PDB file of N, CA and C in Angstrom:
ATOM      1  N   MET A   1      63.715 131.042  81.895  1.00  0.00           N
ATOM      2  CA  MET A   1      64.743 130.365  82.651  1.00  0.00           C
ATOM      3  C   MET A   1      65.206 129.106  81.913  1.00  0.00           C
ATOM      4  N   PHE A   2      64.228 128.343  81.405  1.00  0.00           N
ATOM      5  CA  PHE A   2      64.570 127.125  80.674  1.00  0.00           C
ATOM      6  C   PHE A   2      65.401 127.449  79.438  1.00  0.00           C
ATOM      7  N   LEU A   3      65.057 128.531  78.764  1.00  0.00           N
ATOM      8  CA  LEU A   3      65.778 128.937  77.561  1.00  0.00           C
ATOM      9  C   LEU A   3      67.233 129.252  77.882  1.00  0.00           C
ATOM     10  N   ILE A   4      67.491 129.954  78.963  1.00  0.00           N
ATOM     11  CA  ILE A   4      68.857 130.305  79.361  1.00  0.00           C
ATOM     12  C   ILE A   4      69.645 129.039  79.698  1.00  0.00           C
ATOM     13  N   MET A   5      69.057 128.125  80.442  1.00  0.00           N
ATOM     14  CA  MET A   5      69.750 126.884  80.799  1.00  0.00           C
ATOM     15  C   MET A   5      70.032 126.039  79.559  1.00  0.00           C
ATOM     16  N   SER A   6      69.109 126.038  78.632  1.00  0.00           N
ATOM     17  CA  SER A   6      69.296 125.299  77.391  1.00  0.00           C
ATOM     18  C   SER A   6      70.453 125.879  76.578  1.00  0.00           C
ATOM     19  N   MET A   7      70.532 127.202  76.526  1.00  0.00           N
ATOM     20  CA  MET A   7      71.616 127.860  75.796  1.00  0.00           C
ATOM     21  C   MET A   7      72.966 127.567  76.442  1.00  0.00           C
ATOM     22  N   ILE A   8      73.047 127.617  77.760  1.00  0.00           N
ATOM     23  CA  ILE A   8      74.295 127.326  78.469  1.00  0.00           C
ATOM     24  C   ILE A   8      74.712 125.874  78.227  1.00  0.00           C
ATOM     25  N   SER A   9      73.762 124.972  78.286  1.00  0.00           N
ATOM     26  CA  SER A   9      74.047 123.562  78.036  1.00  0.00           C
ATOM     27  C   SER A   9      74.577 123.354  76.620  1.00  0.00           C
ATOM     28  N   ASN A  10      73.979 124.026  75.672  1.00  0.00           N
ATOM     29  CA  ASN A  10      74.401 123.923  74.278  1.00  0.00           C
ATOM     30  C   ASN A  10      75.827 124.443  74.099  1.00  0.00           C
ATOM     31  N   ILE A  11      76.157 125.560  74.727  1.00  0.00           N
ATOM     32  CA  ILE A  11      77.507 126.134  74.640  1.00  0.00           C
ATOM     33  C   ILE A  11      78.533 125.179  75.239  1.00  0.00           C
ATOM     34  N   LEU A  12      78.215 124.591  76.375  1.00  0.00           N
ATOM     35  CA  LEU A  12      79.141 123.648  77.010  1.00  0.00           C
ATOM     36  C   LEU A  12      79.345 122.395  76.160  1.00  0.00           C
ATOM     37  N   GLN A  13      78.320 121.919  75.517  1.00  0.00           N
ATOM     38  CA  GLN A  13      78.444 120.740  74.660  1.00  0.00           C
ATOM     39  C   GLN A  13      79.324 121.031  73.454  1.00  0.00           C
ATOM     40  N   GLN A  14      79.235 122.226  72.912  1.00  0.00           N
ATOM     41  CA  GLN A  14      80.059 122.585  71.768  1.00  0.00           C
ATOM     42  C   GLN A  14      81.533 122.627  72.141  1.00  0.00           C
ATOM     43  N   ARG A  15      81.857 123.025  73.345  1.00  0.00           N
ATOM     44  CA  ARG A  15      83.245 123.080  73.794  1.00  0.00           C
ATOM     45  C   ARG A  15      83.823 121.693  74.004  1.00  0.00           C
ATOM     46  N   GLU A  16      82.979 120.720  74.346  1.00  0.00           N
ATOM     47  CA  GLU A  16      83.442 119.382  74.683  1.00  0.00           C
ATOM     48  C   GLU A  16      83.371 118.411  73.506  1.00  0.00           C
ATOM     49  N   ARG A  17      83.245 118.887  72.310  1.00  0.00           N
ATOM     50  CA  ARG A  17      83.171 118.000  71.153  1.00  0.00           C
ATOM     51  C   ARG A  17      84.489 117.261  70.969  1.00  0.00           C
ATOM     52  N   LYS A  18      84.391 116.101  70.361  1.00  0.00           N
ATOM     53  CA  LYS A  18      85.595 115.311  70.125  1.00  0.00           C
ATOM     54  C   LYS A  18      86.499 116.041  69.123  1.00  0.00           C
ATOM     55  N   PRO A  19      87.784 115.720  69.130  1.00  0.00           N
ATOM     56  CA  PRO A  19      88.697 116.375  68.190  1.00  0.00           C
ATOM     57  C   PRO A  19      88.248 116.121  66.751  1.00  0.00           C
ATOM     58  N   LYS A  20      88.441 117.093  65.923  1.00  0.00           N
ATOM     59  CA  LYS A  20      88.048 116.952  64.528  1.00  0.00           C
ATOM     60  C   LYS A  20      89.019 116.026  63.811  1.00  0.00           C
ATOM     61  N   GLU A  21      88.533 115.430  62.761  1.00  0.00           N
ATOM     62  CA  GLU A  21      89.350 114.528  61.970  1.00  0.00           C
ATOM     63  C   GLU A  21      89.584 115.114  60.590  1.00  0.00           C
ATOM     64  N   LYS A  22      90.736 114.806  60.049  1.00  0.00           N
ATOM     65  CA  LYS A  22      91.104 115.240  58.711  1.00  0.00           C
ATOM     66  C   LYS A  22      91.223 113.983  57.860  1.00  0.00           C
ATOM     67  N   ILE A  23      90.700 114.016  56.668  1.00  0.00           N
ATOM     68  CA  ILE A  23      90.801 112.868  55.775  1.00  0.00           C
ATOM     69  C   ILE A  23      91.931 113.136  54.789  1.00  0.00           C
ATOM     70  N   VAL A  24      92.885 112.198  54.737  1.00  0.00           N
ATOM     71  CA  VAL A  24      94.026 112.300  53.833  1.00  0.00           C
ATOM     72  C   VAL A  24      93.914 111.166  52.822  1.00  0.00           C
ATOM     73  N   VAL A  25      94.042 111.506  51.538  1.00  0.00           N
ATOM     74  CA  VAL A  25      93.937 110.510  50.474  1.00  0.00           C
ATOM     75  C   VAL A  25      95.344 110.153  49.999  1.00  0.00           C
ATOM     76  N   TYR A  26      95.606 108.847  49.888  1.00  0.00           N
ATOM     77  CA  TYR A  26      96.913 108.349  49.472  1.00  0.00           C
ATOM     78  C   TYR A  26      96.798 107.567  48.170  1.00  0.00           C
ATOM     79  N   THR A  27      97.908 107.548  47.421  1.00  0.00           N
ATOM     80  CA  THR A  27      98.038 106.766  46.207  1.00  0.00           C
ATOM     81  C   THR A  27      99.144 105.746  46.426  1.00  0.00           C
ATOM     82  N   VAL A  28      98.899 104.501  46.066  1.00  0.00           N
ATOM     83  CA  VAL A  28      99.915 103.453  46.169  1.00  0.00           C
ATOM     84  C   VAL A  28     100.483 103.212  44.775  1.00  0.00           C
ATOM     85  N   LEU A  29     101.804 103.383  44.653  1.00  0.00           N
ATOM     86  CA  LEU A  29     102.503 103.141  43.397  1.00  0.00           C
ATOM     87  C   LEU A  29     103.173 101.779  43.476  1.00  0.00           C
ATOM     88  N   SER A  30     103.109 101.016  42.390  1.00  0.00           N
ATOM     89  CA  SER A  30     103.711  99.689  42.357  1.00  0.00           C
ATOM     90  C   SER A  30     104.499  99.529  41.066  1.00  0.00           C
ATOM     91  N   CYS A  31     105.657  98.886  41.174  1.00  0.00           N
ATOM     92  CA  CYS A  31     106.477  98.574  40.008  1.00  0.00           C
ATOM     93  C   CYS A  31     105.716  97.576  39.134  1.00  0.00           C
ATOM     94  N   ILE A  32     105.865  97.684  37.820  1.00  0.00           N
ATOM     95  CA  ILE A  32     105.151  96.750  36.941  1.00  0.00           C
ATOM     96  C   ILE A  32     105.674  95.324  37.091  1.00  0.00           C
ATOM     97  N   ASN A  33     106.874  95.164  37.679  1.00  0.00           N
ATOM     98  CA  ASN A  33     107.426  93.831  37.948  1.00  0.00           C
ATOM     99  C   ASN A  33     107.069  93.338  39.348  1.00  0.00           C
ATOM    100  N   ASN A  34     106.283  94.114  40.075  1.00  0.00           N
ATOM    101  CA  ASN A  34     105.806  93.780  41.429  1.00  0.00           C
ATOM    102  C   ASN A  34     106.919  93.536  42.446  1.00  0.00           C
ATOM    103  N   ASP A  35     108.055  94.233  42.306  1.00  0.00           N
ATOM    104  CA  ASP A  35     109.132  94.069  43.287  1.00  0.00           C
ATOM    105  C   ASP A  35     109.366  95.330  44.116  1.00  0.00           C
ATOM    106  N   TYR A  36     108.492  96.336  43.955  1.00  0.00           N
ATOM    107  CA  TYR A  36     108.639  97.585  44.703  1.00  0.00           C
ATOM    108  C   TYR A  36     107.268  98.228  44.833  1.00  0.00           C
ATOM    109  N   GLU A  37     107.031  98.877  45.987  1.00  0.00           N
ATOM    110  CA  GLU A  37     105.768  99.570  46.230  1.00  0.00           C
ATOM    111  C   GLU A  37     106.023 100.747  47.156  1.00  0.00           C
ATOM    112  N   GLU A  38     105.347 101.860  46.902  1.00  0.00           N
ATOM    113  CA  GLU A  38     105.452 103.028  47.782  1.00  0.00           C
ATOM    114  C   GLU A  38     104.118 103.750  47.845  1.00  0.00           C
ATOM    115  N   ARG A  39     103.977 104.571  48.882  1.00  0.00           N
ATOM    116  CA  ARG A  39     102.757 105.336  49.105  1.00  0.00           C
ATOM    117  C   ARG A  39     103.106 106.815  49.070  1.00  0.00           C
ATOM    118  N   ARG A  40     102.239 107.607  48.429  1.00  0.00           N
ATOM    119  CA  ARG A  40     102.390 109.066  48.425  1.00  0.00           C
ATOM    120  C   ARG A  40     101.017 109.693  48.531  1.00  0.00           C
ATOM    121  N   GLU A  41     101.003 110.995  48.798  1.00  0.00           N
ATOM    122  CA  GLU A  41      99.707 111.680  48.854  1.00  0.00           C
ATOM    123  C   GLU A  41      99.103 111.749  47.455  1.00  0.00           C
ATOM    124  N   PHE A  42      97.787 111.699  47.415  1.00  0.00           N
ATOM    125  CA  PHE A  42      97.033 111.751  46.163  1.00  0.00           C
ATOM    126  C   PHE A  42      97.294 113.062  45.435  1.00  0.00           C
ATOM    127  N   ILE A  43      97.442 112.973  44.132  1.00  0.00           N
ATOM    128  CA  ILE A  43      97.575 114.151  43.270  1.00  0.00           C
ATOM    129  C   ILE A  43      96.367 114.144  42.332  1.00  0.00           C
ATOM    130  N   PRO A  44      95.679 115.279  42.176  1.00  0.00           N
ATOM    131  CA  PRO A  44      94.538 115.306  41.258  1.00  0.00           C
ATOM    132  C   PRO A  44      94.945 114.774  39.880  1.00  0.00           C
ATOM    133  N   GLY A  45      94.134 113.913  39.329  1.00  0.00           N
ATOM    134  CA  GLY A  45      94.436 113.271  38.053  1.00  0.00           C
ATOM    135  C   GLY A  45      94.888 111.825  38.220  1.00  0.00           C
ATOM    136  N   ASP A  46      95.188 111.416  39.452  1.00  0.00           N
ATOM    137  CA  ASP A  46      95.559 110.024  39.720  1.00  0.00           C
ATOM    138  C   ASP A  46      94.349 109.121  39.507  1.00  0.00           C
ATOM    139  N   TYR A  47      94.581 107.946  38.937  1.00  0.00           N
ATOM    140  CA  TYR A  47      93.549 106.916  38.831  1.00  0.00           C
ATOM    141  C   TYR A  47      94.232 105.550  38.807  1.00  0.00           C
ATOM    142  N   VAL A  48      93.537 104.539  39.262  1.00  0.00           N
ATOM    143  CA  VAL A  48      94.098 103.190  39.328  1.00  0.00           C
ATOM    144  C   VAL A  48      94.413 102.708  37.911  1.00  0.00           C
ATOM    145  N   GLY A  49      95.631 102.201  37.737  1.00  0.00           N
ATOM    146  CA  GLY A  49      96.079 101.710  36.436  1.00  0.00           C
ATOM    147  C   GLY A  49      96.937 102.702  35.674  1.00  0.00           C
ATOM    148  N   LYS A  50      96.966 103.947  36.102  1.00  0.00           N
ATOM    149  CA  LYS A  50      97.737 104.986  35.421  1.00  0.00           C
ATOM    150  C   LYS A  50      99.236 104.703  35.561  1.00  0.00           C
ATOM    151  N   ILE A  51      99.976 104.839  34.463  1.00  0.00           N
ATOM    152  CA  ILE A  51     101.431 104.728  34.480  1.00  0.00           C
ATOM    153  C   ILE A  51     101.981 106.095  34.869  1.00  0.00           C
ATOM    154  N   VAL A  52     102.837 106.119  35.894  1.00  0.00           N
ATOM    155  CA  VAL A  52     103.405 107.377  36.384  1.00  0.00           C
ATOM    156  C   VAL A  52     104.589 107.745  35.494  1.00  0.00           C
ATOM    157  N   LYS A  53     104.571 108.942  34.934  1.00  0.00           N
ATOM    158  CA  LYS A  53     105.602 109.361  33.977  1.00  0.00           C
ATOM    159  C   LYS A  53     106.831 109.965  34.641  1.00  0.00           C
ATOM    160  N   ASP A  54     106.662 110.615  35.795  1.00  0.00           N
ATOM    161  CA  ASP A  54     107.764 111.379  36.383  1.00  0.00           C
ATOM    162  C   ASP A  54     108.594 110.604  37.404  1.00  0.00           C
ATOM    163  N   LYS A  55     108.353 109.301  37.540  1.00  0.00           N
ATOM    164  CA  LYS A  55     109.088 108.515  38.530  1.00  0.00           C
ATOM    165  C   LYS A  55     109.270 107.097  38.019  1.00  0.00           C
ATOM    166  N   ARG A  56     110.425 106.501  38.349  1.00  0.00           N
ATOM    167  CA  ARG A  56     110.735 105.130  37.945  1.00  0.00           C
ATOM    168  C   ARG A  56     111.020 104.284  39.179  1.00  0.00           C
ATOM    169  N   CYS A  57     110.986 102.979  39.021  1.00  0.00           N
ATOM    170  CA  CYS A  57     111.289 102.050  40.106  1.00  0.00           C
ATOM    171  C   CYS A  57     112.776 102.156  40.458  1.00  0.00           C
ATOM    172  N   PRO A  58     113.105 102.368  41.739  1.00  0.00           N
ATOM    173  CA  PRO A  58     114.512 102.479  42.124  1.00  0.00           C
ATOM    174  C   PRO A  58     115.266 101.145  42.061  1.00  0.00           C
ATOM    175  N   LYS A  59     114.555 100.034  42.013  1.00  0.00           N
ATOM    176  CA  LYS A  59     115.222  98.723  41.971  1.00  0.00           C
ATOM    177  C   LYS A  59     115.666  98.338  40.561  1.00  0.00           C
ATOM    178  N   ASP A  60     114.754  98.472  39.588  1.00  0.00           N
ATOM    179  CA  ASP A  60     115.091  98.013  38.234  1.00  0.00           C
ATOM    180  C   ASP A  60     114.775  99.036  37.142  1.00  0.00           C
ATOM    181  N   ASN A  61     114.479 100.262  37.538  1.00  0.00           N
ATOM    182  CA  ASN A  61     114.220 101.380  36.618  1.00  0.00           C
ATOM    183  C   ASN A  61     113.028 101.133  35.678  1.00  0.00           C
ATOM    184  N   SER A  62     112.108 100.267  36.061  1.00  0.00           N
ATOM    185  CA  SER A  62     110.916 100.050  35.239  1.00  0.00           C
ATOM    186  C   SER A  62     109.826 101.051  35.632  1.00  0.00           C
ATOM    187  N   GLU A  63     108.738 101.009  34.898  1.00  0.00           N
ATOM    188  CA  GLU A  63     107.648 101.961  35.132  1.00  0.00           C
ATOM    189  C   GLU A  63     106.906 101.654  36.434  1.00  0.00           C
ATOM    190  N   LEU A  64     106.334 102.708  37.008  1.00  0.00           N
ATOM    191  CA  LEU A  64     105.474 102.564  38.179  1.00  0.00           C
ATOM    192  C   LEU A  64     104.027 102.771  37.750  1.00  0.00           C
ATOM    193  N   ARG A  65     103.138 101.983  38.322  1.00  0.00           N
ATOM    194  CA  ARG A  65     101.715 102.059  38.016  1.00  0.00           C
ATOM    195  C   ARG A  65     100.960 102.318  39.314  1.00  0.00           C
ATOM    196  N   ILE A  66      99.867 103.075  39.228  1.00  0.00           N
ATOM    197  CA  ILE A  66      99.027 103.307  40.404  1.00  0.00           C
ATOM    198  C   ILE A  66      98.220 102.038  40.662  1.00  0.00           C
ATOM    199  N   LYS A  67      98.475 101.461  41.839  1.00  0.00           N
ATOM    200  CA  LYS A  67      97.848 100.193  42.218  1.00  0.00           C
ATOM    201  C   LYS A  67      96.560 100.404  43.006  1.00  0.00           C
ATOM    202  N   ALA A  68      96.532 101.446  43.863  1.00  0.00           N
ATOM    203  CA  ALA A  68      95.363 101.681  44.716  1.00  0.00           C
ATOM    204  C   ALA A  68      95.313 103.138  45.142  1.00  0.00           C
ATOM    205  N   ILE A  69      94.118 103.582  45.484  1.00  0.00           N
ATOM    206  CA  ILE A  69      93.890 104.916  46.048  1.00  0.00           C
ATOM    207  C   ILE A  69      92.953 104.715  47.230  1.00  0.00           C
ATOM    208  N   TYR A  70      93.330 105.267  48.383  1.00  0.00           N
ATOM    209  CA  TYR A  70      92.499 105.093  49.576  1.00  0.00           C
ATOM    210  C   TYR A  70      92.625 106.306  50.486  1.00  0.00           C
ATOM    211  N   ALA A  71      91.732 106.406  51.456  1.00  0.00           N
ATOM    212  CA  ALA A  71      91.713 107.530  52.396  1.00  0.00           C
ATOM    213  C   ALA A  71      91.879 107.018  53.818  1.00  0.00           C
ATOM    214  N   GLU A  72      92.524 107.838  54.647  1.00  0.00           N
ATOM    215  CA  GLU A  72      92.682 107.549  56.074  1.00  0.00           C
ATOM    216  C   GLU A  72      92.233 108.762  56.864  1.00  0.00           C
ATOM    217  N   LYS A  73      91.633 108.497  58.024  1.00  0.00           N
ATOM    218  CA  LYS A  73      91.271 109.586  58.928  1.00  0.00           C
ATOM    219  C   LYS A  73      92.448 109.855  59.851  1.00  0.00           C
ATOM    220  N   GLN A  74      92.776 111.130  60.017  1.00  0.00           N
ATOM    221  CA  GLN A  74      93.818 111.530  60.954  1.00  0.00           C
ATOM    222  C   GLN A  74      93.228 112.564  61.888  1.00  0.00           C
ATOM    223  N   GLN A  75      93.473 112.384  63.181  1.00  0.00           N
ATOM    224  CA  GLN A  75      92.941 113.338  64.148  1.00  0.00           C
ATOM    225  C   GLN A  75      93.784 114.603  64.144  1.00  0.00           C
ATOM    226  N   ILE A  76      93.097 115.724  64.265  1.00  0.00           N
ATOM    227  CA  ILE A  76      93.763 117.017  64.341  1.00  0.00           C
ATOM    228  C   ILE A  76      93.981 117.335  65.805  1.00  0.00           C
ATOM    229  N   GLU A  77      95.221 117.563  66.178  1.00  0.00           N
ATOM    230  CA  GLU A  77      95.557 117.889  67.570  1.00  0.00           C
ATOM    231  C   GLU A  77      95.255 119.356  67.821  1.00  0.00           C
ATOM    232  N   ARG A  78      94.765 119.636  69.004  1.00  0.00           N
ATOM    233  CA  ARG A  78      94.452 121.034  69.348  1.00  0.00           C
ATOM    234  C   ARG A  78      95.549 121.647  70.153  1.00  0.00           C
TER     235      ARG A  78
END
């Protein structure tokens, strides 16, 4: 009897778990003249200090450098 009640309790607890979270990694790009900054999703191969080759600063057309890489938790809606 105890085993059956324990199993039922376990099943109910699994149904009531908090929503799962997804971790999203972002890269912050900054103009080398420090007059522009943007955030995009992380691309494998990104590292802090890397000069981005495929994008330029929209303000003065100078190079963009990776300033920071960080992660945020986002809840997954059911």
